[in-house]
Amino acid sequence: MSFMDCEKLLEGFKPSFEFVPPKAIPEEEYRARIEHVRREAVVAEHDVTLVNANGILNYHSTNRYLRYLCDWNREGILIIPSDSSKGLRLFSFYTQAVILPPSWGEAIGVEKIYQVGALGREYSGRPADSGSKLIEGVVKALTEMGYSTASIGLIGDGTSGKHWAALKEALPKAQFKDETHIILDMQRLRTKAEVDQIRASVQLMEIGFEAACHVCKPGVTDWELYAAFSFAQLARGGENADGYQIGVNKWGTHCGKAYGHIVEPGDLINFYVSGISYRGYTGQMSRMIAVGDITDKQEEALEVCTESLRRAEKVIRPGARVCDIHKAGFEPFIEHGLLKDDVTATMPYNWAPNDDLSAMEIPQQYIPDEGLERYGLKLNHIYPPVGGPHNPNLGHGVGMHGNPDKFNVTSHNTDICQPGLAFVLHPQWLVPMECGANIGNCYVVTEDGYENLSCHTPIETIRIKA
């Protein structure tokens, strides 16, 4: 295998549509979000609310709560007094990340920003702990602002627990309550400006997929497909290259990462794109490529998933129940005898445990894989162990990159669709060592129906000549 000409693969590529970057979310929208948090705090009888995000690997933050509230993409603790006459304070810069504004913008609406410092003997030659100094600074500010014995609302994720514990110890007379649900509830329905960012994210995914199709042919590697996808979207403003799944093999076992597989006749290729962020927002989509002739079972899986998406999207409109979208999407699976019903709680799915909910042992079997064995590795288990959809649902919410999904499209979700509800529908089917497909669009509910945010690339399988 030679890499001499891989850079030339994208020569002549031109997307089928022009990507036009949307305007950023206006400052007024951020200020309205802060006012909403303040109102919720007043109703809950809180004097102040603290919002936390921490640094993680690859210089990301653990959640996008700070970016949602003040467009800040680094770590930090934001102090939001319930009294609107008092300004916001932000304590940040306490990890070893070296990313600076303006690439991700200013902290909108924040009156004072404090730099805690990345500390420690090995890193800075200073015998201090950044986490302790962070809490020390926040406690000092809260005390100065008159909140040492206050009622304090807390918004954060699992990594925030250490900070909250330290604050409770330092402020024994204060009362604390987790209010993370506030910011999650705020993100249920998206504004027009937010939809603009999600649409941009999905359009970058589509352009990336078109680039991958441009280079796809027998003899190229999944690395080259990934590189073509990544270059095309990054060159137009995508914030990250990772965060999506690409799978290539003859059976449709598609949720994976590029590992050196050389595309061959009979291969199925899936781009399951779920993490290309644009200004903090991300959509999701999934597309399939077939190389040369494939089996009848593979053709059936592709057609069932495609028809599932066609039927499900016809149900999307204001007033529709989420469970009815789910039901419509699973009708083709039932008609083809692949499933008995659409009930999420009893549906078989690829990553299901045993029926008694105990851990399922993955079957051991040697699976020849030239891409792995070329580098001295072997595949000795069957992945996944259970035939069925990847997930026992038809899709889930989308919005800010890195946030947990607020809702899933399931048989038990009776929520009513409202304008601004953004989600992905991705019908999936995979029988190990036999066939598989995963086809998805990103949607937002509008006043009179829906918008397909991934409308530029067809959901029908792309066919590559062998």
Protein backbone atom coordinates (compact mmCIF):
# COMPACT_ATOMS: atom_id res chain seq x y z
CA MET A 1 0.00 0.00 0.00
CA SER A 2 1.45 3.33 -1.10
CA PHE A 3 0.62 6.78 0.21
CA MET A 4 2.51 8.60 -2.55
CA ASP A 5 -0.56 10.01 -4.33
CA CYS A 6 -3.14 10.23 -1.55
CA GLU A 7 -3.01 14.05 -1.46
CA LYS A 8 -4.13 14.14 -5.10
CA LEU A 9 -7.38 12.30 -4.49
CA LEU A 10 -9.36 15.51 -3.92
CA GLU A 11 -8.20 17.16 -7.13
CA GLY A 12 -11.20 18.45 -9.05
CA PHE A 13 -13.60 18.15 -6.14
CA LYS A 14 -16.36 20.75 -5.97
CA PRO A 15 -19.35 20.48 -3.62
CA SER A 16 -22.84 20.41 -5.11
CA PHE A 17 -23.77 23.56 -3.17
CA GLU A 18 -22.05 26.62 -1.74
CA PHE A 19 -21.56 26.78 2.02
CA VAL A 20 -22.47 30.25 3.31
CA PRO A 21 -21.38 30.76 6.96
CA PRO A 22 -24.28 32.08 9.05
CA LYS A 23 -24.03 35.07 11.34
CA ALA A 24 -23.12 34.28 14.94
CA ILE A 25 -25.84 34.19 17.58
CA PRO A 26 -26.53 37.83 18.55
CA GLU A 27 -25.49 39.11 21.97
CA GLU A 28 -29.10 39.89 22.82
CA GLU A 29 -29.86 36.17 22.75
CA TYR A 30 -27.12 35.42 25.28
CA ARG A 31 -28.39 38.18 27.54
CA ALA A 32 -31.91 36.75 27.33
CA ARG A 33 -30.56 33.35 28.39
CA ILE A 34 -28.92 34.86 31.46
CA GLU A 35 -32.15 36.63 32.32
CA HIS A 36 -33.98 33.31 32.08
CA VAL A 37 -31.52 31.68 34.49
CA ARG A 38 -31.98 34.64 36.84
CA ARG A 39 -35.75 34.31 36.68
CA GLU A 40 -35.59 30.59 37.45
CA ALA A 41 -33.26 31.35 40.36
CA VAL A 42 -35.70 33.92 41.76
CA VAL A 43 -38.57 31.42 41.55
CA ALA A 44 -36.39 28.84 43.35
CA GLU A 45 -35.46 31.47 46.01
CA HIS A 46 -31.76 31.36 45.09
CA ASP A 47 -29.54 34.39 45.66
CA VAL A 48 -26.96 33.33 43.10
CA THR A 49 -26.35 30.59 40.53
CA LEU A 50 -22.98 28.99 39.71
CA VAL A 51 -22.34 27.38 36.32
CA ASN A 52 -19.32 25.12 35.81
CA ALA A 53 -17.50 23.48 32.89
CA ASN A 54 -14.08 21.83 33.22
CA GLY A 55 -11.29 21.02 30.81
CA ILE A 56 -10.92 17.55 29.33
CA LEU A 57 -8.64 15.87 26.81
CA ASN A 58 -8.04 17.51 23.43
CA TYR A 59 -8.55 20.95 24.98
CA HIS A 60 -12.33 20.63 25.02
CA SER A 61 -14.59 21.48 27.94
CA THR A 62 -16.79 18.93 29.66
CA ASN A 63 -20.02 20.62 28.64
CA ARG A 64 -21.25 23.60 26.64
CA TYR A 65 -23.17 25.31 29.42
CA LEU A 66 -20.79 28.26 29.50
CA ARG A 67 -20.77 28.55 25.74
CA TYR A 68 -24.56 28.52 25.74
CA LEU A 69 -24.84 31.25 28.38
CA CYS A 70 -21.96 33.58 27.48
CA ASP A 71 -20.17 32.09 24.43
CA TRP A 72 -17.19 30.97 26.53
CA ASN A 73 -15.59 27.74 25.30
CA ARG A 74 -12.93 27.30 27.97
CA GLU A 75 -13.31 25.91 31.47
CA GLY A 76 -14.66 28.05 34.25
CA ILE A 77 -17.14 28.83 37.02
CA LEU A 78 -19.61 31.59 36.15
CA ILE A 79 -21.24 33.52 38.98
CA ILE A 80 -24.76 34.74 38.10
CA PRO A 81 -26.35 36.89 40.83
CA SER A 82 -30.15 36.72 40.87
CA ASP A 83 -30.13 40.49 41.34
CA SER A 84 -29.78 41.85 37.80
CA SER A 85 -28.10 45.00 39.11
CA LYS A 86 -25.04 42.89 39.95
CA GLY A 87 -22.69 41.85 37.15
CA LEU A 88 -21.50 38.38 36.15
CA ARG A 89 -18.09 37.13 37.21
CA LEU A 90 -16.15 34.32 35.54
CA PHE A 91 -13.22 32.35 36.97
CA SER A 92 -11.33 30.60 34.17
CA PHE A 93 -7.87 29.65 32.84
CA TYR A 94 -7.07 26.95 35.40
CA THR A 95 -6.15 24.09 33.05
CA GLN A 96 -3.08 23.71 30.87
CA ALA A 97 -4.99 24.51 27.66
CA VAL A 98 -3.38 27.37 25.77
CA ILE A 99 -6.32 28.28 23.54
CA LEU A 100 -7.10 31.99 23.65
CA PRO A 101 -9.80 34.27 22.25
CA PRO A 102 -10.75 35.50 19.69
CA SER A 103 -11.06 32.11 17.95
CA TRP A 104 -14.07 31.25 20.08
CA GLY A 105 -15.16 34.76 20.95
CA GLU A 106 -15.42 36.88 24.07
CA ALA A 107 -17.32 36.05 27.26
CA ILE A 108 -20.49 37.93 26.37
CA GLY A 109 -22.11 39.91 29.17
CA VAL A 110 -19.48 39.06 31.79
CA GLU A 111 -18.40 42.03 33.91
CA LYS A 112 -15.20 40.56 35.40
CA ILE A 113 -13.03 37.66 34.25
CA TYR A 114 -10.41 36.16 36.56
CA GLN A 115 -7.43 34.06 35.52
CA VAL A 116 -6.85 31.38 38.16
CA GLY A 117 -3.67 30.00 36.65
CA ALA A 118 -2.51 26.52 35.67
CA LEU A 119 -0.40 25.61 38.69
CA GLY A 120 1.69 22.81 40.19
CA ARG A 121 5.37 22.18 40.85
CA GLU A 122 5.97 20.18 37.67
CA TYR A 123 4.12 22.56 35.34
CA SER A 124 4.82 26.00 36.77
CA GLY A 125 7.37 25.52 39.55
CA ARG A 126 4.75 26.87 41.96
CA PRO A 127 3.59 24.69 44.87
CA ALA A 128 -0.15 25.22 44.45
CA ASP A 129 -3.20 23.37 43.16
CA SER A 130 -5.34 25.02 40.45
CA GLY A 131 -8.54 23.43 41.74
CA SER A 132 -7.98 24.74 45.24
CA LYS A 133 -7.14 28.21 43.97
CA LEU A 134 -10.26 28.15 41.79
CA ILE A 135 -12.47 27.51 44.83
CA GLU A 136 -10.50 30.03 46.88
CA GLY A 137 -11.19 32.71 44.27
CA VAL A 138 -14.89 31.84 43.91
CA VAL A 139 -15.39 31.79 47.69
CA LYS A 140 -13.70 35.19 48.00
CA ALA A 141 -15.91 36.66 45.27
CA LEU A 142 -19.09 35.18 46.75
CA THR A 143 -18.17 36.56 50.15
CA GLU A 144 -17.45 40.02 48.73
CA MET A 145 -20.80 39.96 46.96
CA GLY A 146 -22.63 39.02 50.17
CA TYR A 147 -23.34 35.39 49.30
CA SER A 148 -21.39 33.51 51.99
CA THR A 149 -24.64 32.38 53.65
CA ALA A 150 -26.78 32.47 50.51
CA SER A 151 -29.04 30.03 48.73
CA ILE A 152 -26.93 28.91 45.76
CA GLY A 153 -28.10 27.11 42.61
CA LEU A 154 -25.59 24.81 40.91
CA ILE A 155 -25.39 23.97 37.20
CA GLY A 156 -22.72 21.50 36.07
CA ASP A 157 -22.01 17.89 35.13
CA GLY A 158 -20.28 14.93 36.76
CA THR A 159 -16.91 16.67 36.83
CA SER A 160 -18.37 19.52 38.87
CA GLY A 161 -18.86 17.41 41.98
CA LYS A 162 -15.38 18.04 43.37
CA HIS A 163 -15.88 21.81 43.07
CA TRP A 164 -19.32 21.74 44.66
CA ALA A 165 -18.01 19.61 47.56
CA ALA A 166 -15.17 22.05 48.18
CA LEU A 167 -17.57 25.01 48.07
CA LYS A 168 -19.91 23.39 50.57
CA GLU A 169 -16.99 22.83 52.92
CA ALA A 170 -15.75 26.41 52.52
CA LEU A 171 -19.23 27.95 52.92
CA PRO A 172 -20.90 25.83 55.63
CA LYS A 173 -23.71 28.33 56.22
CA ALA A 174 -24.78 28.47 52.56
CA GLN A 175 -27.48 26.27 51.05
CA PHE A 176 -26.86 24.49 47.75
CA LYS A 177 -29.19 22.87 45.21
CA ASP A 178 -28.50 21.27 41.83
CA GLU A 179 -30.37 23.24 39.15
CA THR A 180 -28.78 21.74 36.02
CA HIS A 181 -32.24 20.95 34.69
CA ILE A 182 -32.71 24.68 34.04
CA ILE A 183 -30.12 24.88 31.30
CA LEU A 184 -31.15 21.54 29.82
CA ASP A 185 -34.78 22.63 29.66
CA MET A 186 -33.72 25.89 28.00
CA GLN A 187 -32.12 23.93 25.17
CA ARG A 188 -35.18 21.84 24.34
CA LEU A 189 -36.39 24.19 21.60
CA ARG A 190 -33.90 26.01 19.38
CA THR A 191 -34.12 29.61 18.20
CA LYS A 192 -33.71 30.64 14.58
CA ALA A 193 -30.11 31.71 15.24
CA GLU A 194 -29.35 28.36 16.85
CA VAL A 195 -30.91 26.47 13.95
CA ASP A 196 -28.65 28.48 11.62
CA GLN A 197 -25.61 27.07 13.45
CA ILE A 198 -26.97 23.50 13.44
CA ARG A 199 -27.76 23.79 9.74
CA ALA A 200 -24.20 24.96 9.10
CA SER A 201 -22.86 21.97 11.01
CA VAL A 202 -24.94 19.57 8.92
CA GLN A 203 -23.99 21.28 5.66
CA LEU A 204 -20.33 20.81 6.55
CA MET A 205 -21.06 17.13 7.13
CA GLU A 206 -22.71 16.91 3.72
CA ILE A 207 -19.78 18.58 1.97
CA GLY A 208 -17.43 16.24 3.80
CA PHE A 209 -19.47 13.26 2.65
CA GLU A 210 -19.45 14.49 -0.95
CA ALA A 211 -15.66 14.76 -0.71
CA ALA A 212 -15.43 11.20 0.58
CA CYS A 213 -17.60 10.02 -2.33
CA HIS A 214 -15.30 11.90 -4.71
CA VAL A 215 -12.26 9.89 -3.60
CA CYS A 216 -14.02 6.59 -2.94
CA LYS A 217 -13.02 3.68 -5.18
CA PRO A 218 -11.48 0.26 -4.74
CA GLY A 219 -7.91 0.57 -3.53
CA VAL A 220 -8.28 3.69 -1.36
CA THR A 221 -8.18 3.32 2.40
CA ASP A 222 -10.72 4.32 5.01
CA TRP A 223 -8.00 6.71 6.24
CA GLU A 224 -8.18 8.52 2.91
CA LEU A 225 -11.97 8.67 3.07
CA TYR A 226 -11.70 10.16 6.57
CA ALA A 227 -9.03 12.63 5.42
CA ALA A 228 -11.11 13.79 2.44
CA PHE A 229 -14.17 14.23 4.64
CA SER A 230 -12.19 16.09 7.28
CA PHE A 231 -10.36 18.42 4.94
CA ALA A 232 -13.49 19.49 3.09
CA GLN A 233 -15.42 20.41 6.22
CA LEU A 234 -12.51 21.84 8.22
CA ALA A 235 -11.57 24.12 5.33
CA ARG A 236 -15.03 25.70 5.60
CA GLY A 237 -15.13 26.30 9.34
CA GLY A 238 -15.73 22.99 11.09
CA GLU A 239 -14.36 23.22 14.63
CA ASN A 240 -13.05 19.66 14.90
CA ALA A 241 -12.05 16.72 12.76
CA ASP A 242 -12.95 13.91 15.12
CA GLY A 243 -16.33 12.97 16.53
CA TYR A 244 -17.76 10.91 13.68
CA GLN A 245 -17.93 7.23 12.91
CA ILE A 246 -16.87 5.61 9.65
CA GLY A 247 -17.19 1.91 8.97
CA VAL A 248 -16.12 -0.14 5.98
CA ASN A 249 -16.57 -3.88 5.52
CA LYS A 250 -18.67 -6.45 3.67
CA TRP A 251 -21.32 -6.95 6.37
CA GLY A 252 -22.33 -3.44 7.30
CA THR A 253 -20.68 -3.41 10.73
CA HIS A 254 -20.38 0.31 10.45
CA CYS A 255 -20.00 2.06 13.80
CA GLY A 256 -16.26 2.46 14.03
CA LYS A 257 -13.20 4.50 13.10
CA ALA A 258 -10.81 4.36 10.19
CA TYR A 259 -8.09 1.79 10.83
CA GLY A 260 -6.45 1.04 7.47
CA HIS A 261 -9.08 -1.00 5.63
CA ILE A 262 -8.59 -0.95 1.86
CA VAL A 263 -11.86 -0.50 -0.01
CA GLU A 264 -12.81 -3.58 -2.05
CA PRO A 265 -15.71 -4.62 -4.31
CA GLY A 266 -18.62 -5.72 -2.16
CA ASP A 267 -17.84 -3.29 0.67
CA LEU A 268 -20.47 -1.23 2.44
CA ILE A 269 -19.34 2.14 3.76
CA ASN A 270 -21.19 4.19 6.35
CA PHE A 271 -20.54 7.78 7.38
CA TYR A 272 -22.33 8.18 10.71
CA VAL A 273 -21.48 11.81 11.42
CA SER A 274 -22.30 13.02 14.90
CA GLY A 275 -19.78 15.52 16.15
CA ILE A 276 -18.74 18.20 13.67
CA SER A 277 -19.20 21.36 15.67
CA TYR A 278 -19.91 24.81 14.22
CA ARG A 279 -19.72 27.65 16.77
CA GLY A 280 -20.53 25.13 19.47
CA TYR A 281 -23.52 23.54 17.73
CA THR A 282 -23.76 20.25 15.91
CA GLY A 283 -26.30 18.27 13.95
CA GLN A 284 -26.06 14.65 12.84
CA MET A 285 -26.57 12.62 9.68
CA SER A 286 -25.75 9.22 8.22
CA ARG A 287 -25.18 8.05 4.65
CA MET A 288 -24.26 4.77 2.94
CA ILE A 289 -21.98 3.87 0.04
CA ALA A 290 -22.01 0.50 -1.74
CA VAL A 291 -18.95 -0.56 -3.76
CA GLY A 292 -19.81 -2.85 -6.65
CA ASP A 293 -22.25 -5.73 -6.17
CA ILE A 294 -23.64 -6.45 -2.71
CA THR A 295 -25.87 -9.25 -1.41
CA ASP A 296 -29.66 -9.36 -1.44
CA LYS A 297 -29.68 -9.15 2.37
CA GLN A 298 -27.58 -6.03 2.22
CA GLU A 299 -29.90 -4.50 -0.36
CA GLU A 300 -32.89 -5.27 1.87
CA ALA A 301 -31.26 -3.60 4.88
CA LEU A 302 -30.50 -0.50 2.82
CA GLU A 303 -34.01 -0.26 1.42
CA VAL A 304 -35.75 -0.86 4.77
CA CYS A 305 -33.74 1.89 6.47
CA THR A 306 -34.30 4.28 3.55
CA GLU A 307 -38.05 3.63 3.51
CA SER A 308 -38.13 4.00 7.30
CA LEU A 309 -36.73 7.51 7.01
CA ARG A 310 -39.17 8.41 4.22
CA ARG A 311 -42.18 7.38 6.30
CA ALA A 312 -40.99 8.88 9.57
CA GLU A 313 -40.36 12.33 8.16
CA LYS A 314 -43.92 12.48 6.79
CA VAL A 315 -45.18 12.52 10.39
CA ILE A 316 -43.04 15.47 11.52
CA ARG A 317 -45.10 18.58 12.20
CA PRO A 318 -46.16 20.75 15.14
CA GLY A 319 -48.58 18.79 17.32
CA ALA A 320 -47.31 15.34 16.32
CA ARG A 321 -46.29 12.99 19.10
CA VAL A 322 -42.66 11.90 19.08
CA CYS A 323 -43.76 8.29 19.58
CA ASP A 324 -45.82 8.47 16.37
CA ILE A 325 -42.70 9.44 14.40
CA HIS A 326 -40.97 6.44 15.98
CA LYS A 327 -43.90 4.15 15.07
CA ALA A 328 -43.99 5.26 11.44
CA GLY A 329 -40.25 4.72 11.10
CA PHE A 330 -40.35 1.14 12.36
CA GLU A 331 -43.29 0.06 10.18
CA PRO A 332 -41.03 -1.12 7.31
CA PHE A 333 -39.00 -3.27 9.72
CA ILE A 334 -42.19 -4.96 10.89
CA GLU A 335 -43.51 -5.41 7.34
CA HIS A 336 -40.27 -7.14 6.32
CA GLY A 337 -40.46 -9.47 9.33
CA LEU A 338 -37.33 -8.02 10.92
CA LEU A 339 -39.13 -6.91 14.10
CA LYS A 340 -42.39 -7.89 15.80
CA ASP A 341 -43.24 -4.38 16.96
CA ASP A 342 -41.77 -0.94 17.66
CA VAL A 343 -41.72 -1.20 21.46
CA THR A 344 -38.46 0.31 22.68
CA ALA A 345 -38.43 -1.56 26.01
CA THR A 346 -38.43 -5.03 24.41
CA MET A 347 -36.73 -4.35 21.07
CA PRO A 348 -33.53 -6.28 20.33
CA TYR A 349 -30.62 -3.97 19.57
CA ASN A 350 -26.93 -4.37 18.83
CA TRP A 351 -25.62 -3.39 22.26
CA ALA A 352 -28.36 -4.94 24.40
CA PRO A 353 -27.55 -7.00 27.51
CA ASN A 354 -29.15 -10.36 28.23
CA ASP A 355 -32.93 -10.42 28.67
CA ASP A 356 -32.48 -10.40 32.45
CA LEU A 357 -30.30 -7.26 32.01
CA SER A 358 -27.13 -9.10 33.01
CA ALA A 359 -23.99 -8.50 30.95
CA MET A 360 -23.91 -10.41 27.67
CA GLU A 361 -20.72 -12.24 26.74
CA ILE A 362 -19.55 -11.29 23.24
CA PRO A 363 -19.06 -14.43 21.10
CA GLN A 364 -15.48 -15.44 20.43
CA GLN A 365 -14.69 -16.16 16.81
CA TYR A 366 -11.75 -15.36 14.58
CA ILE A 367 -12.77 -12.83 11.91
CA PRO A 368 -10.26 -12.42 9.05
CA ASP A 369 -9.49 -8.73 8.58
CA GLU A 370 -6.58 -7.80 6.33
CA GLY A 371 -6.65 -4.17 7.46
CA LEU A 372 -5.92 -5.20 11.04
CA GLU A 373 -3.60 -8.11 10.32
CA ARG A 374 -1.39 -5.97 8.11
CA TYR A 375 -0.26 -4.30 11.33
CA GLY A 376 -0.03 -7.39 13.51
CA LEU A 377 -3.53 -7.31 15.03
CA LYS A 378 -6.42 -9.79 14.98
CA LEU A 379 -10.17 -9.63 15.44
CA ASN A 380 -11.27 -12.48 17.70
CA HIS A 381 -14.83 -11.50 18.65
CA ILE A 382 -18.06 -10.81 16.77
CA TYR A 383 -19.15 -7.21 17.02
CA PRO A 384 -21.94 -6.48 17.66
CA PRO A 385 -23.26 -9.65 19.35
CA VAL A 386 -26.99 -8.96 18.77
CA GLY A 387 -28.81 -8.49 15.47
CA GLY A 388 -31.16 -5.53 15.17
CA PRO A 389 -30.96 -1.73 15.12
CA HIS A 390 -27.94 -0.07 16.72
CA ASN A 391 -30.28 1.61 19.19
CA PRO A 392 -33.84 0.71 20.28
CA ASN A 393 -35.07 4.09 19.05
CA LEU A 394 -35.32 6.01 15.80
CA GLY A 395 -33.26 9.05 16.80
CA HIS A 396 -32.58 11.73 19.38
CA GLY A 397 -32.22 15.44 19.96
CA VAL A 398 -29.32 17.52 18.63
CA GLY A 399 -28.02 20.92 19.57
CA MET A 400 -24.85 21.90 21.35
CA HIS A 401 -21.76 19.79 20.79
CA GLY A 402 -20.93 17.63 23.78
CA ASN A 403 -24.23 17.97 25.61
CA PRO A 404 -26.21 14.88 26.56
CA ASP A 405 -29.25 14.31 24.39
CA LYS A 406 -32.29 15.80 26.07
CA PHE A 407 -34.72 13.37 24.49
CA ASN A 408 -34.88 10.21 22.38
CA VAL A 409 -37.36 9.27 19.68
CA THR A 410 -38.87 6.20 21.33
CA SER A 411 -42.18 4.35 21.60
CA HIS A 412 -42.67 5.72 25.12
CA ASN A 413 -41.92 9.38 24.34
CA THR A 414 -45.34 11.02 24.13
CA ASP A 415 -43.96 14.57 23.96
CA ILE A 416 -45.54 16.86 21.39
CA CYS A 417 -43.44 18.36 18.59
CA GLN A 418 -43.11 22.14 18.72
CA PRO A 419 -41.35 24.61 16.41
CA GLY A 420 -37.63 24.70 17.24
CA LEU A 421 -37.38 21.02 18.21
CA ALA A 422 -34.21 19.74 16.48
CA PHE A 423 -33.36 16.07 16.17
CA VAL A 424 -31.84 13.35 14.02
CA LEU A 425 -33.71 10.32 12.70
CA HIS A 426 -31.34 7.50 11.77
CA PRO A 427 -33.00 4.15 11.02
CA GLN A 428 -30.40 1.44 11.53
CA TRP A 429 -30.22 -2.30 11.04
CA LEU A 430 -27.30 -4.66 11.49
CA VAL A 431 -27.06 -8.44 11.58
CA PRO A 432 -23.50 -9.45 12.50
CA MET A 433 -21.55 -11.03 9.67
CA GLU A 434 -24.51 -10.59 7.30
CA CYS A 435 -25.79 -7.10 6.52
CA GLY A 436 -26.18 -3.59 7.86
CA ALA A 437 -27.34 -0.06 7.12
CA ASN A 438 -27.57 3.30 8.87
CA ILE A 439 -29.28 6.21 7.11
CA GLY A 440 -30.14 9.48 8.83
CA ASN A 441 -31.31 13.06 8.35
CA CYS A 442 -31.30 16.04 10.69
CA TYR A 443 -34.60 17.87 11.14
CA VAL A 444 -36.08 20.89 12.88
CA VAL A 445 -39.80 21.33 13.44
CA THR A 446 -41.11 24.55 11.84
CA GLU A 447 -44.36 26.47 12.20
CA ASP A 448 -45.97 24.57 9.32
CA GLY A 449 -44.04 21.30 9.18
CA TYR A 450 -40.33 20.61 9.21
CA GLU A 451 -37.02 21.47 7.55
CA ASN A 452 -34.62 18.75 6.51
CA LEU A 453 -31.27 20.30 7.43
CA SER A 454 -29.40 17.59 5.49
CA CYS A 455 -31.24 18.10 2.20
CA HIS A 456 -28.28 18.40 -0.18
CA THR A 457 -27.18 14.75 -0.19
CA PRO A 458 -29.60 11.95 -1.14
CA ILE A 459 -30.59 9.35 1.42
CA GLU A 460 -30.43 6.70 -1.30
CA THR A 461 -27.25 4.65 -1.21
CA ILE A 462 -24.36 6.02 -3.29
CA ARG A 463 -23.15 3.39 -5.77
CA ILE A 464 -19.44 3.14 -6.63
CA LYS A 465 -18.36 0.99 -9.56
CA ALA A 466 -16.04 -1.85 -8.67
